[in-house]
Amino acid sequence: MRRPLSILSRSSARLRHAFSGARLVGAGLTALVVVLASNGCTSNIFPKTGSTMAALIDIDTLWDFSKPAESEARFRDAMTRANDVQVLELETQIARTYGLRRDEAQALSILDGVKEKITAQTPAVVRVREALERGRTLRTPKDFEIARPYFQEAFDRAVAANLTILAIDAAHMFGFSPDLDEAQRWNQKALDLANASGLPAAIRWRSTLTHNMGVSERAKKNYTRALSLFQATEKAEESLNRPARMRVVRWQIANTLRLQGRIDEALAIQLRLEREADEAKEPDVYIYSELAELFDAKRDATKVRDYAVKALAIAEKDSWMIENEAKLIARMRGLRES
């Protein structure tokens, strides 16, 4: 099960696909995968206004990946206080909000506009962000190759310019490669960069990267190694006070335990996650689907159907789930009728 992390209906899925972002606001739970967002990648441009240094624009604090339209509004507001270079950075993030809203044409149009404004004097950070967001916009679950050159460009430029956080972000995007060995090599490269840096944003990346490595190991059926990596992620998350992300990590642990045949251990965790998600008013389709699987293993037909129905109540109303989780939906329909 190589499901993306970077949760709940649509916002649930976004959190799962974006576990790497630093500000996950209002998301449900998720099967977390390889990527989340800027992960604390603050703008490093200090514009000069006359002889006075203008305020630093912290791109990370403006992001709420579960609410891309609201994030766009904050970026546009920040543009009124930004210099020309910062405006270009912010435009790349506005493009990303359209990618999250699945309006790829608008995202690419904005990025094309940024690229037209780049000159020989434009700082590397703009070129890196433009390439990185173009790759993210073009990447689809079925076609990684079209995005590959943009991730490579972003990584190479970021390394050359000593933009560590953006280099980590670009490297971790290769975790989406369908070649699991390649994905692990790049995850490890990103983790090495994060471990070598004392930057707070780099430290925050560590849990995302160990998580994503766990996802790849589980896809290779290396369940013991995957469990170890998810447990390392859990330990890293303990000091970060991010409840929604912690639920994602513990979901991964429980899912791996189920795959190892440790049904009772997995069930105890998923039932606790269900209570936590309900208390947070963030019901999660992936928790419900796992509980359906676990009760199926325990041959409790009534609870199997109950949880399959709960999962389908979310999944069948969500366009992202319908497009990307067809197998999960088909499985829940089968369990509902069993």
C-alpha atoms as a PDB file:
ATOM      1  CA  MET A   1       0.000   0.000   0.000  1.00  0.00           C
ATOM      2  CA  ARG A   2       1.988   2.950  -1.253  1.00  0.00           C
ATOM      3  CA  ARG A   3      -0.554   5.618  -0.517  1.00  0.00           C
ATOM      4  CA  PRO A   4       0.445   9.278  -0.514  1.00  0.00           C
ATOM      5  CA  LEU A   5       0.699  11.156   2.733  1.00  0.00           C
ATOM      6  CA  SER A   6       2.485  15.798   2.132  1.00  0.00           C
ATOM      7  CA  ILE A   7      -6.549  12.848   5.264  1.00  0.00           C
ATOM      8  CA  LEU A   8     -10.594  13.506   5.690  1.00  0.00           C
ATOM      9  CA  SER A   9     -12.448  14.022   2.457  1.00  0.00           C
ATOM     10  CA  ARG A  10     -10.426  16.210   0.130  1.00  0.00           C
ATOM     11  CA  SER A  11      -8.393  17.850   2.909  1.00  0.00           C
ATOM     12  CA  SER A  12      -7.677  14.389   4.270  1.00  0.00           C
ATOM     13  CA  ALA A  13      -6.177  13.291   0.994  1.00  0.00           C
ATOM     14  CA  ARG A  14      -4.138  16.466   0.751  1.00  0.00           C
ATOM     15  CA  LEU A  15      -2.543  15.918   4.120  1.00  0.00           C
ATOM     16  CA  ARG A  16      -1.663  12.374   3.221  1.00  0.00           C
ATOM     17  CA  HIS A  17      -0.086  13.525   0.019  1.00  0.00           C
ATOM     18  CA  ALA A  18       1.681  16.305   1.733  1.00  0.00           C
ATOM     19  CA  PHE A  19       3.143  15.031   4.963  1.00  0.00           C
ATOM     20  CA  SER A  20       6.176  17.176   4.439  1.00  0.00           C
ATOM     21  CA  GLY A  21       4.528  20.545   4.909  1.00  0.00           C
ATOM     22  CA  ALA A  22       5.123  22.477   8.076  1.00  0.00           C
ATOM     23  CA  ARG A  23       1.669  23.975   8.533  1.00  0.00           C
ATOM     24  CA  LEU A  24      -1.006  21.333   8.220  1.00  0.00           C
ATOM     25  CA  VAL A  25      -4.073  23.123   9.407  1.00  0.00           C
ATOM     26  CA  GLY A  26      -7.486  21.531   9.637  1.00  0.00           C
ATOM     27  CA  ALA A  27      -6.674  18.205   8.005  1.00  0.00           C
ATOM     28  CA  GLY A  28      -8.010  14.793   8.890  1.00  0.00           C
ATOM     29  CA  LEU A  29      -5.761  11.697   8.980  1.00  0.00           C
ATOM     30  CA  THR A  30      -4.035  10.110   6.057  1.00  0.00           C
ATOM     31  CA  ALA A  31      -2.013   7.419   4.536  1.00  0.00           C
ATOM     32  CA  LEU A  32       0.776   9.848   4.232  1.00  0.00           C
ATOM     33  CA  VAL A  33       3.262   9.611   1.510  1.00  0.00           C
ATOM     34  CA  VAL A  34       6.067  11.373   0.048  1.00  0.00           C
ATOM     35  CA  VAL A  35       5.484  15.040   0.129  1.00  0.00           C
ATOM     36  CA  LEU A  36       3.890  17.910   1.727  1.00  0.00           C
ATOM     37  CA  ALA A  37       4.885  21.330   1.008  1.00  0.00           C
ATOM     38  CA  SER A  38       7.312  24.033   1.754  1.00  0.00           C
ATOM     39  CA  ASN A  39       8.046  22.477   5.161  1.00  0.00           C
ATOM     40  CA  GLY A  40       9.313  25.628   6.686  1.00  0.00           C
ATOM     41  CA  CYS A  41      11.072  26.803   3.572  1.00  0.00           C
ATOM     42  CA  THR A  42      11.138  30.456   4.426  1.00  0.00           C
ATOM     43  CA  SER A  43      11.934  33.075   1.836  1.00  0.00           C
ATOM     44  CA  ASN A  44      15.575  33.979   2.126  1.00  0.00           C
ATOM     45  CA  ILE A  45      15.288  37.337   0.423  1.00  0.00           C
ATOM     46  CA  PHE A  46      15.788  40.395   2.622  1.00  0.00           C
ATOM     47  CA  PRO A  47      14.729  43.270   0.354  1.00  0.00           C
ATOM     48  CA  LYS A  48      16.209  46.705   0.790  1.00  0.00           C
ATOM     49  CA  THR A  49      13.871  49.663   0.905  1.00  0.00           C
ATOM     50  CA  GLY A  50      16.120  52.666   0.654  1.00  0.00           C
ATOM     51  CA  SER A  51      18.617  52.119   3.450  1.00  0.00           C
ATOM     52  CA  THR A  52      16.168  50.100   5.536  1.00  0.00           C
ATOM     53  CA  MET A  53      15.849  46.330   5.461  1.00  0.00           C
ATOM     54  CA  ALA A  54      12.232  45.437   4.777  1.00  0.00           C
ATOM     55  CA  ALA A  55      10.532  42.717   6.805  1.00  0.00           C
ATOM     56  CA  LEU A  56      11.267  39.149   5.851  1.00  0.00           C
ATOM     57  CA  ILE A  57       8.333  37.363   4.259  1.00  0.00           C
ATOM     58  CA  ASP A  58       7.983  33.900   5.768  1.00  0.00           C
ATOM     59  CA  ILE A  59       6.291  31.865   3.068  1.00  0.00           C
ATOM     60  CA  ASP A  60       5.784  28.926   5.394  1.00  0.00           C
ATOM     61  CA  THR A  61       3.565  30.821   7.818  1.00  0.00           C
ATOM     62  CA  LEU A  62       1.262  31.826   4.971  1.00  0.00           C
ATOM     63  CA  TRP A  63       0.498  28.239   3.936  1.00  0.00           C
ATOM     64  CA  ASP A  64      -2.490  26.170   4.934  1.00  0.00           C
ATOM     65  CA  PHE A  65      -2.414  23.214   2.561  1.00  0.00           C
ATOM     66  CA  SER A  66      -5.937  22.130   3.427  1.00  0.00           C
ATOM     67  CA  LYS A  67      -7.223  25.583   2.376  1.00  0.00           C
ATOM     68  CA  PRO A  68      -5.409  26.596  -0.814  1.00  0.00           C
ATOM     69  CA  ALA A  69      -7.801  29.423  -1.703  1.00  0.00           C
ATOM     70  CA  GLU A  70      -7.244  31.057   1.687  1.00  0.00           C
ATOM     71  CA  SER A  71      -3.505  30.563   1.276  1.00  0.00           C
ATOM     72  CA  GLU A  72      -3.660  32.321  -2.091  1.00  0.00           C
ATOM     73  CA  ALA A  73      -5.360  35.303  -0.457  1.00  0.00           C
ATOM     74  CA  ARG A  74      -2.549  35.536   2.103  1.00  0.00           C
ATOM     75  CA  PHE A  75       0.092  35.326  -0.627  1.00  0.00           C
ATOM     76  CA  ARG A  76      -1.596  38.087  -2.592  1.00  0.00           C
ATOM     77  CA  ASP A  77      -1.800  40.253   0.502  1.00  0.00           C
ATOM     78  CA  ALA A  78       1.915  39.658   1.170  1.00  0.00           C
ATOM     79  CA  MET A  79       2.697  40.750  -2.386  1.00  0.00           C
ATOM     80  CA  THR A  80       1.586  44.286  -1.496  1.00  0.00           C
ATOM     81  CA  ARG A  81       4.532  44.485   0.936  1.00  0.00           C
ATOM     82  CA  ALA A  82       7.076  42.559  -1.145  1.00  0.00           C
ATOM     83  CA  ASN A  83       9.880  43.604  -3.453  1.00  0.00           C
ATOM     84  CA  ASP A  84      10.079  42.403  -7.048  1.00  0.00           C
ATOM     85  CA  VAL A  85      11.992  39.227  -6.220  1.00  0.00           C
ATOM     86  CA  GLN A  86       9.656  38.285  -3.385  1.00  0.00           C
ATOM     87  CA  VAL A  87       6.669  38.849  -5.650  1.00  0.00           C
ATOM     88  CA  LEU A  88       8.054  36.207  -8.007  1.00  0.00           C
ATOM     89  CA  GLU A  89       8.544  33.778  -5.106  1.00  0.00           C
ATOM     90  CA  LEU A  90       5.013  34.384  -3.914  1.00  0.00           C
ATOM     91  CA  GLU A  91       3.647  33.858  -7.414  1.00  0.00           C
ATOM     92  CA  THR A  92       5.204  30.384  -7.505  1.00  0.00           C
ATOM     93  CA  GLN A  93       3.302  29.585  -4.316  1.00  0.00           C
ATOM     94  CA  ILE A  94       0.073  30.968  -5.746  1.00  0.00           C
ATOM     95  CA  ALA A  95       0.626  28.608  -8.658  1.00  0.00           C
ATOM     96  CA  ARG A  96       0.918  25.787  -6.168  1.00  0.00           C
ATOM     97  CA  THR A  97      -2.438  26.672  -4.626  1.00  0.00           C
ATOM     98  CA  TYR A  98      -3.985  26.144  -8.066  1.00  0.00           C
ATOM     99  CA  GLY A  99      -2.213  22.823  -8.387  1.00  0.00           C
ATOM    100  CA  LEU A 100      -3.754  21.747  -5.086  1.00  0.00           C
ATOM    101  CA  ARG A 101      -7.130  22.815  -6.455  1.00  0.00           C
ATOM    102  CA  ARG A 102      -6.414  20.688  -9.532  1.00  0.00           C
ATOM    103  CA  ASP A 103      -6.384  23.662 -11.858  1.00  0.00           C
ATOM    104  CA  GLU A 104      -3.113  22.712 -13.524  1.00  0.00           C
ATOM    105  CA  ALA A 105      -3.657  25.019 -16.493  1.00  0.00           C
ATOM    106  CA  GLN A 106      -3.857  28.092 -14.260  1.00  0.00           C
ATOM    107  CA  ALA A 107      -0.880  26.932 -12.208  1.00  0.00           C
ATOM    108  CA  LEU A 108       1.250  26.507 -15.331  1.00  0.00           C
ATOM    109  CA  SER A 109       0.102  29.864 -16.695  1.00  0.00           C
ATOM    110  CA  ILE A 110       1.286  31.598 -13.532  1.00  0.00           C
ATOM    111  CA  LEU A 111       4.600  29.745 -13.611  1.00  0.00           C
ATOM    112  CA  ASP A 112       5.047  30.696 -17.276  1.00  0.00           C
ATOM    113  CA  GLY A 113       4.597  34.321 -16.251  1.00  0.00           C
ATOM    114  CA  VAL A 114       7.248  33.954 -13.549  1.00  0.00           C
ATOM    115  CA  LYS A 115       9.666  32.332 -15.982  1.00  0.00           C
ATOM    116  CA  GLU A 116       9.245  35.210 -18.461  1.00  0.00           C
ATOM    117  CA  LYS A 117      10.306  37.683 -15.757  1.00  0.00           C
ATOM    118  CA  ILE A 118      13.459  35.791 -14.763  1.00  0.00           C
ATOM    119  CA  THR A 119      16.663  37.511 -15.845  1.00  0.00           C
ATOM    120  CA  ALA A 120      20.352  36.847 -15.377  1.00  0.00           C
ATOM    121  CA  GLN A 121      20.193  38.915 -12.205  1.00  0.00           C
ATOM    122  CA  THR A 122      17.268  37.034 -10.671  1.00  0.00           C
ATOM    123  CA  PRO A 123      18.317  35.221  -7.460  1.00  0.00           C
ATOM    124  CA  ALA A 124      18.588  31.441  -7.616  1.00  0.00           C
ATOM    125  CA  VAL A 125      15.732  30.991  -5.146  1.00  0.00           C
ATOM    126  CA  VAL A 126      13.212  32.110  -7.765  1.00  0.00           C
ATOM    127  CA  ARG A 127      14.579  29.737 -10.404  1.00  0.00           C
ATOM    128  CA  VAL A 128      14.511  26.872  -7.895  1.00  0.00           C
ATOM    129  CA  ARG A 129      10.945  27.540  -6.832  1.00  0.00           C
ATOM    130  CA  GLU A 130       9.732  27.918 -10.414  1.00  0.00           C
ATOM    131  CA  ALA A 131      11.237  24.580 -11.437  1.00  0.00           C
ATOM    132  CA  LEU A 132      10.073  22.819  -8.275  1.00  0.00           C
ATOM    133  CA  GLU A 133       6.469  23.988  -8.560  1.00  0.00           C
ATOM    134  CA  ARG A 134       6.381  23.238 -12.291  1.00  0.00           C
ATOM    135  CA  GLY A 135       7.467  19.688 -11.524  1.00  0.00           C
ATOM    136  CA  ARG A 136       4.863  19.353  -8.804  1.00  0.00           C
ATOM    137  CA  THR A 137       2.161  20.643 -11.135  1.00  0.00           C
ATOM    138  CA  LEU A 138       3.108  18.292 -13.971  1.00  0.00           C
ATOM    139  CA  ARG A 139       3.612  15.171 -11.881  1.00  0.00           C
ATOM    140  CA  THR A 140       0.752  12.725 -11.890  1.00  0.00           C
ATOM    141  CA  PRO A 141       0.463   9.305 -10.227  1.00  0.00           C
ATOM    142  CA  LYS A 142       0.729   7.767 -13.701  1.00  0.00           C
ATOM    143  CA  ASP A 143       3.500   9.940 -15.132  1.00  0.00           C
ATOM    144  CA  PHE A 144       6.548  10.824 -13.077  1.00  0.00           C
ATOM    145  CA  GLU A 145       8.929  11.211 -16.012  1.00  0.00           C
ATOM    146  CA  ILE A 146       7.428  14.472 -17.238  1.00  0.00           C
ATOM    147  CA  ALA A 147       8.243  16.076 -13.880  1.00  0.00           C
ATOM    148  CA  ARG A 148      11.668  14.513 -13.386  1.00  0.00           C
ATOM    149  CA  PRO A 149      13.784  17.137 -15.217  1.00  0.00           C
ATOM    150  CA  TYR A 150      12.204  19.964 -13.229  1.00  0.00           C
ATOM    151  CA  PHE A 151      12.897  18.283  -9.891  1.00  0.00           C
ATOM    152  CA  GLN A 152      16.460  17.630 -11.024  1.00  0.00           C
ATOM    153  CA  GLU A 153      16.887  21.266 -12.067  1.00  0.00           C
ATOM    154  CA  ALA A 154      15.478  22.485  -8.768  1.00  0.00           C
ATOM    155  CA  PHE A 155      17.774  20.200  -6.786  1.00  0.00           C
ATOM    156  CA  ASP A 156      20.922  21.098  -8.744  1.00  0.00           C
ATOM    157  CA  ARG A 157      20.272  24.836  -8.539  1.00  0.00           C
ATOM    158  CA  ALA A 158      19.410  24.659  -4.836  1.00  0.00           C
ATOM    159  CA  VAL A 159      22.597  22.760  -3.998  1.00  0.00           C
ATOM    160  CA  ALA A 160      24.711  25.165  -6.044  1.00  0.00           C
ATOM    161  CA  ALA A 161      23.144  28.155  -4.275  1.00  0.00           C
ATOM    162  CA  ASN A 162      23.314  26.553  -0.805  1.00  0.00           C
ATOM    163  CA  LEU A 163      19.526  26.641  -0.464  1.00  0.00           C
ATOM    164  CA  THR A 164      19.414  23.619   1.829  1.00  0.00           C
ATOM    165  CA  ILE A 165      15.703  23.484   2.560  1.00  0.00           C
ATOM    166  CA  LEU A 166      14.731  23.765  -1.075  1.00  0.00           C
ATOM    167  CA  ALA A 167      17.324  21.119  -1.957  1.00  0.00           C
ATOM    168  CA  ILE A 168      15.692  18.784   0.577  1.00  0.00           C
ATOM    169  CA  ASP A 169      12.262  19.551  -0.858  1.00  0.00           C
ATOM    170  CA  ALA A 170      13.405  18.849  -4.416  1.00  0.00           C
ATOM    171  CA  ALA A 171      15.200  15.636  -3.425  1.00  0.00           C
ATOM    172  CA  HIS A 172      12.188  14.327  -1.561  1.00  0.00           C
ATOM    173  CA  MET A 173      10.011  14.781  -4.646  1.00  0.00           C
ATOM    174  CA  PHE A 174      11.947  11.915  -6.210  1.00  0.00           C
ATOM    175  CA  GLY A 175      10.298   9.757  -3.556  1.00  0.00           C
ATOM    176  CA  PHE A 176       7.350   9.690  -5.970  1.00  0.00           C
ATOM    177  CA  SER A 177       9.415   7.752  -8.483  1.00  0.00           C
ATOM    178  CA  PRO A 178       7.795   4.446  -9.470  1.00  0.00           C
ATOM    179  CA  ASP A 179      11.275   2.946  -9.106  1.00  0.00           C
ATOM    180  CA  LEU A 180      11.289   2.209  -5.376  1.00  0.00           C
ATOM    181  CA  ASP A 181      15.059   1.841  -5.221  1.00  0.00           C
ATOM    182  CA  GLU A 182      15.470   5.257  -6.820  1.00  0.00           C
ATOM    183  CA  ALA A 183      12.889   6.682  -4.429  1.00  0.00           C
ATOM    184  CA  GLN A 184      14.859   5.385  -1.463  1.00  0.00           C
ATOM    185  CA  ARG A 185      18.159   6.745  -2.760  1.00  0.00           C
ATOM    186  CA  TRP A 186      16.689  10.211  -3.044  1.00  0.00           C
ATOM    187  CA  ASN A 187      14.881   9.972   0.287  1.00  0.00           C
ATOM    188  CA  GLN A 188      18.201   9.076   1.870  1.00  0.00           C
ATOM    189  CA  LYS A 189      19.910  11.961   0.076  1.00  0.00           C
ATOM    190  CA  ALA A 190      17.285  14.352   1.420  1.00  0.00           C
ATOM    191  CA  LEU A 191      17.591  12.866   4.909  1.00  0.00           C
ATOM    192  CA  ASP A 192      21.370  13.261   4.828  1.00  0.00           C
ATOM    193  CA  LEU A 193      20.930  16.946   4.012  1.00  0.00           C
ATOM    194  CA  ALA A 194      18.373  17.345   6.791  1.00  0.00           C
ATOM    195  CA  ASN A 195      20.560  15.560   9.353  1.00  0.00           C
ATOM    196  CA  ALA A 196      23.578  17.689   8.414  1.00  0.00           C
ATOM    197  CA  SER A 197      21.693  20.937   8.929  1.00  0.00           C
ATOM    198  CA  GLY A 198      20.779  22.568  12.215  1.00  0.00           C
ATOM    199  CA  LEU A 199      18.094  24.707  10.614  1.00  0.00           C
ATOM    200  CA  PRO A 200      14.720  24.269  12.350  1.00  0.00           C
ATOM    201  CA  ALA A 201      13.055  23.640   8.979  1.00  0.00           C
ATOM    202  CA  ALA A 202      15.580  20.897   8.220  1.00  0.00           C
ATOM    203  CA  ILE A 203      14.875  19.274  11.566  1.00  0.00           C
ATOM    204  CA  ARG A 204      11.146  19.310  10.784  1.00  0.00           C
ATOM    205  CA  TRP A 205      11.864  17.555   7.492  1.00  0.00           C
ATOM    206  CA  ARG A 206      13.423  14.560   9.249  1.00  0.00           C
ATOM    207  CA  SER A 207      10.130  13.023  10.334  1.00  0.00           C
ATOM    208  CA  THR A 208       8.669  13.442   6.847  1.00  0.00           C
ATOM    209  CA  LEU A 209      11.623  11.726   5.241  1.00  0.00           C
ATOM    210  CA  THR A 210      11.775   8.756   7.604  1.00  0.00           C
ATOM    211  CA  HIS A 211       8.040   8.413   7.069  1.00  0.00           C
ATOM    212  CA  ASN A 212       8.393   8.396   3.308  1.00  0.00           C
ATOM    213  CA  MET A 213      11.190   5.860   3.501  1.00  0.00           C
ATOM    214  CA  GLY A 214       8.882   3.680   5.567  1.00  0.00           C
ATOM    215  CA  VAL A 215       6.216   3.927   2.868  1.00  0.00           C
ATOM    216  CA  SER A 216       8.681   2.757   0.229  1.00  0.00           C
ATOM    217  CA  GLU A 217       9.947  -0.116   2.382  1.00  0.00           C
ATOM    218  CA  ARG A 218       6.393  -1.247   3.034  1.00  0.00           C
ATOM    219  CA  ALA A 219       5.702  -1.173  -0.714  1.00  0.00           C
ATOM    220  CA  LYS A 220       8.689  -3.505  -1.107  1.00  0.00           C
ATOM    221  CA  LYS A 221       7.129  -5.743   1.594  1.00  0.00           C
ATOM    222  CA  ASN A 222      10.031  -5.051   3.947  1.00  0.00           C
ATOM    223  CA  TYR A 223       7.598  -4.747   6.837  1.00  0.00           C
ATOM    224  CA  THR A 224      10.114  -4.942   9.679  1.00  0.00           C
ATOM    225  CA  ARG A 225      12.212  -2.143   8.189  1.00  0.00           C
ATOM    226  CA  ALA A 226       9.099  -0.107   7.412  1.00  0.00           C
ATOM    227  CA  LEU A 227       7.842  -0.438  10.976  1.00  0.00           C
ATOM    228  CA  SER A 228      11.204   0.702  12.335  1.00  0.00           C
ATOM    229  CA  LEU A 229      11.128   3.786  10.135  1.00  0.00           C
ATOM    230  CA  PHE A 230       7.544   4.654  11.098  1.00  0.00           C
ATOM    231  CA  GLN A 231       8.447   4.277  14.766  1.00  0.00           C
ATOM    232  CA  ALA A 232      11.406   6.615  14.228  1.00  0.00           C
ATOM    233  CA  THR A 233       8.978   9.066  12.657  1.00  0.00           C
ATOM    234  CA  GLU A 234       6.663   8.783  15.656  1.00  0.00           C
ATOM    235  CA  LYS A 235       9.553   9.577  17.984  1.00  0.00           C
ATOM    236  CA  ALA A 236      10.548  12.592  15.887  1.00  0.00           C
ATOM    237  CA  GLU A 237       6.962  13.876  15.889  1.00  0.00           C
ATOM    238  CA  GLU A 238       6.572  13.655  19.657  1.00  0.00           C
ATOM    239  CA  SER A 239       8.308  16.985  20.237  1.00  0.00           C
ATOM    240  CA  LEU A 240       6.579  18.834  17.403  1.00  0.00           C
ATOM    241  CA  ASN A 241       2.990  18.975  18.728  1.00  0.00           C
ATOM    242  CA  ARG A 242       1.216  18.218  15.447  1.00  0.00           C
ATOM    243  CA  PRO A 243      -1.741  15.987  16.350  1.00  0.00           C
ATOM    244  CA  ALA A 244      -3.054  15.431  12.812  1.00  0.00           C
ATOM    245  CA  ARG A 245       0.361  14.396  11.552  1.00  0.00           C
ATOM    246  CA  MET A 246       0.901  12.151  14.559  1.00  0.00           C
ATOM    247  CA  ARG A 247      -2.347  10.361  13.743  1.00  0.00           C
ATOM    248  CA  VAL A 248      -1.037   9.786  10.237  1.00  0.00           C
ATOM    249  CA  VAL A 249       2.173   8.267  11.556  1.00  0.00           C
ATOM    250  CA  ARG A 250       0.363   6.006  13.993  1.00  0.00           C
ATOM    251  CA  TRP A 251      -2.011   4.944  11.220  1.00  0.00           C
ATOM    252  CA  GLN A 252       1.049   3.851   9.253  1.00  0.00           C
ATOM    253  CA  ILE A 253       2.371   1.886  12.219  1.00  0.00           C
ATOM    254  CA  ALA A 254      -0.968   0.137  12.675  1.00  0.00           C
ATOM    255  CA  ASN A 255      -1.312  -0.594   8.965  1.00  0.00           C
ATOM    256  CA  THR A 256       2.135  -2.191   8.931  1.00  0.00           C
ATOM    257  CA  LEU A 257       1.291  -4.249  12.001  1.00  0.00           C
ATOM    258  CA  ARG A 258      -1.795  -5.546  10.209  1.00  0.00           C
ATOM    259  CA  LEU A 259       0.299  -6.536   7.226  1.00  0.00           C
ATOM    260  CA  GLN A 260       2.547  -8.439   9.628  1.00  0.00           C
ATOM    261  CA  GLY A 261      -0.496 -10.289  10.957  1.00  0.00           C
ATOM    262  CA  ARG A 262      -0.424  -8.507  14.336  1.00  0.00           C
ATOM    263  CA  ILE A 263      -4.152  -7.857  14.224  1.00  0.00           C
ATOM    264  CA  ASP A 264      -4.926  -7.099  17.870  1.00  0.00           C
ATOM    265  CA  GLU A 265      -2.078  -4.594  18.177  1.00  0.00           C
ATOM    266  CA  ALA A 266      -3.169  -2.860  14.992  1.00  0.00           C
ATOM    267  CA  LEU A 267      -6.818  -2.813  16.054  1.00  0.00           C
ATOM    268  CA  ALA A 268      -6.042  -1.163  19.400  1.00  0.00           C
ATOM    269  CA  ILE A 269      -4.198   1.656  17.633  1.00  0.00           C
ATOM    270  CA  GLN A 270      -6.842   2.217  14.958  1.00  0.00           C
ATOM    271  CA  LEU A 271      -9.661   2.329  17.520  1.00  0.00           C
ATOM    272  CA  ARG A 272      -7.721   4.956  19.463  1.00  0.00           C
ATOM    273  CA  LEU A 273      -7.159   6.934  16.263  1.00  0.00           C
ATOM    274  CA  GLU A 274     -10.868   6.744  15.488  1.00  0.00           C
ATOM    275  CA  ARG A 275     -11.681   8.264  18.884  1.00  0.00           C
ATOM    276  CA  GLU A 276      -9.080  11.005  18.430  1.00  0.00           C
ATOM    277  CA  ALA A 277     -10.292  11.854  14.931  1.00  0.00           C
ATOM    278  CA  ASP A 278     -13.918  11.945  16.091  1.00  0.00           C
ATOM    279  CA  GLU A 279     -13.009  14.244  18.998  1.00  0.00           C
ATOM    280  CA  ALA A 280     -11.223  16.526  16.549  1.00  0.00           C
ATOM    281  CA  LYS A 281     -14.284  16.399  14.259  1.00  0.00           C
ATOM    282  CA  GLU A 282     -12.052  15.034  11.498  1.00  0.00           C
ATOM    283  CA  PRO A 283     -13.515  11.634  10.490  1.00  0.00           C
ATOM    284  CA  ASP A 284     -11.038   9.801   8.318  1.00  0.00           C
ATOM    285  CA  VAL A 285     -11.802   7.442   5.459  1.00  0.00           C
ATOM    286  CA  TYR A 286      -8.488   5.626   5.850  1.00  0.00           C
ATOM    287  CA  ILE A 287      -9.075   4.877   9.523  1.00  0.00           C
ATOM    288  CA  TYR A 288     -12.526   3.505   8.705  1.00  0.00           C
ATOM    289  CA  SER A 289     -11.194   1.376   5.856  1.00  0.00           C
ATOM    290  CA  GLU A 290      -8.450  -0.076   8.063  1.00  0.00           C
ATOM    291  CA  LEU A 291     -10.971  -0.900  10.773  1.00  0.00           C
ATOM    292  CA  ALA A 292     -13.086  -2.679   8.182  1.00  0.00           C
ATOM    293  CA  GLU A 293     -10.036  -4.743   7.188  1.00  0.00           C
ATOM    294  CA  LEU A 294      -9.145  -5.512  10.789  1.00  0.00           C
ATOM    295  CA  PHE A 295     -12.647  -6.656  11.728  1.00  0.00           C
ATOM    296  CA  ASP A 296     -12.700  -8.722   8.548  1.00  0.00           C
ATOM    297  CA  ALA A 297      -9.585 -10.478   9.830  1.00  0.00           C
ATOM    298  CA  LYS A 298     -11.409 -11.071  13.110  1.00  0.00           C
ATOM    299  CA  ARG A 299     -14.502 -12.305  11.235  1.00  0.00           C
ATOM    300  CA  ASP A 300     -16.860  -9.748  12.775  1.00  0.00           C
ATOM    301  CA  ALA A 301     -19.188  -9.241   9.802  1.00  0.00           C
ATOM    302  CA  THR A 302     -21.370  -6.598  11.450  1.00  0.00           C
ATOM    303  CA  LYS A 303     -18.468  -4.280  12.237  1.00  0.00           C
ATOM    304  CA  VAL A 304     -16.915  -4.931   8.855  1.00  0.00           C
ATOM    305  CA  ARG A 305     -20.036  -3.628   7.147  1.00  0.00           C
ATOM    306  CA  ASP A 306     -20.403  -0.706   9.571  1.00  0.00           C
ATOM    307  CA  TYR A 307     -16.898   0.572   8.902  1.00  0.00           C
ATOM    308  CA  ALA A 308     -17.064  -0.083   5.160  1.00  0.00           C
ATOM    309  CA  VAL A 309     -20.224   2.026   5.037  1.00  0.00           C
ATOM    310  CA  LYS A 310     -18.498   4.822   6.985  1.00  0.00           C
ATOM    311  CA  ALA A 311     -15.522   4.761   4.620  1.00  0.00           C
ATOM    312  CA  LEU A 312     -17.719   4.827   1.528  1.00  0.00           C
ATOM    313  CA  ALA A 313     -19.809   7.694   2.905  1.00  0.00           C
ATOM    314  CA  ILE A 314     -16.676   9.834   2.565  1.00  0.00           C
ATOM    315  CA  ALA A 315     -14.924   8.247  -0.408  1.00  0.00           C
ATOM    316  CA  GLU A 316     -17.883   8.083  -2.792  1.00  0.00           C
ATOM    317  CA  LYS A 317     -18.543  11.805  -2.414  1.00  0.00           C
ATOM    318  CA  ASP A 318     -14.987  12.935  -3.040  1.00  0.00           C
ATOM    319  CA  SER A 319     -13.706  13.387  -6.591  1.00  0.00           C
ATOM    320  CA  TRP A 320     -10.060  12.931  -5.590  1.00  0.00           C
ATOM    321  CA  MET A 321     -10.833   9.650  -3.854  1.00  0.00           C
ATOM    322  CA  ILE A 322     -12.881   8.440  -6.814  1.00  0.00           C
ATOM    323  CA  GLU A 323     -10.017   9.156  -9.205  1.00  0.00           C
ATOM    324  CA  ASN A 324      -7.107   8.008  -7.049  1.00  0.00           C
ATOM    325  CA  GLU A 325      -8.484   5.388  -4.663  1.00  0.00           C
ATOM    326  CA  ALA A 326     -10.560   3.200  -6.958  1.00  0.00           C
ATOM    327  CA  LYS A 327      -9.154   0.009  -5.454  1.00  0.00           C
ATOM    328  CA  LEU A 328      -9.933   1.119  -1.900  1.00  0.00           C
ATOM    329  CA  ILE A 329     -13.493   2.046  -2.898  1.00  0.00           C
ATOM    330  CA  ALA A 330     -13.996  -1.270  -4.689  1.00  0.00           C
ATOM    331  CA  ARG A 331     -12.649  -3.147  -1.668  1.00  0.00           C
ATOM    332  CA  MET A 332     -14.988  -1.292   0.723  1.00  0.00           C
ATOM    333  CA  ARG A 333     -17.943  -1.987  -1.538  1.00  0.00           C
ATOM    334  CA  GLY A 334     -17.058  -5.651  -1.491  1.00  0.00           C
ATOM    335  CA  LEU A 335     -16.812  -5.693   2.302  1.00  0.00           C
ATOM    336  CA  ARG A 336     -20.072  -3.786   2.631  1.00  0.00           C
ATOM    337  CA  GLU A 337     -21.836  -6.526   0.695  1.00  0.00           C
ATOM    338  CA  SER A 338     -20.060  -9.434   2.357  1.00  0.00           C
END
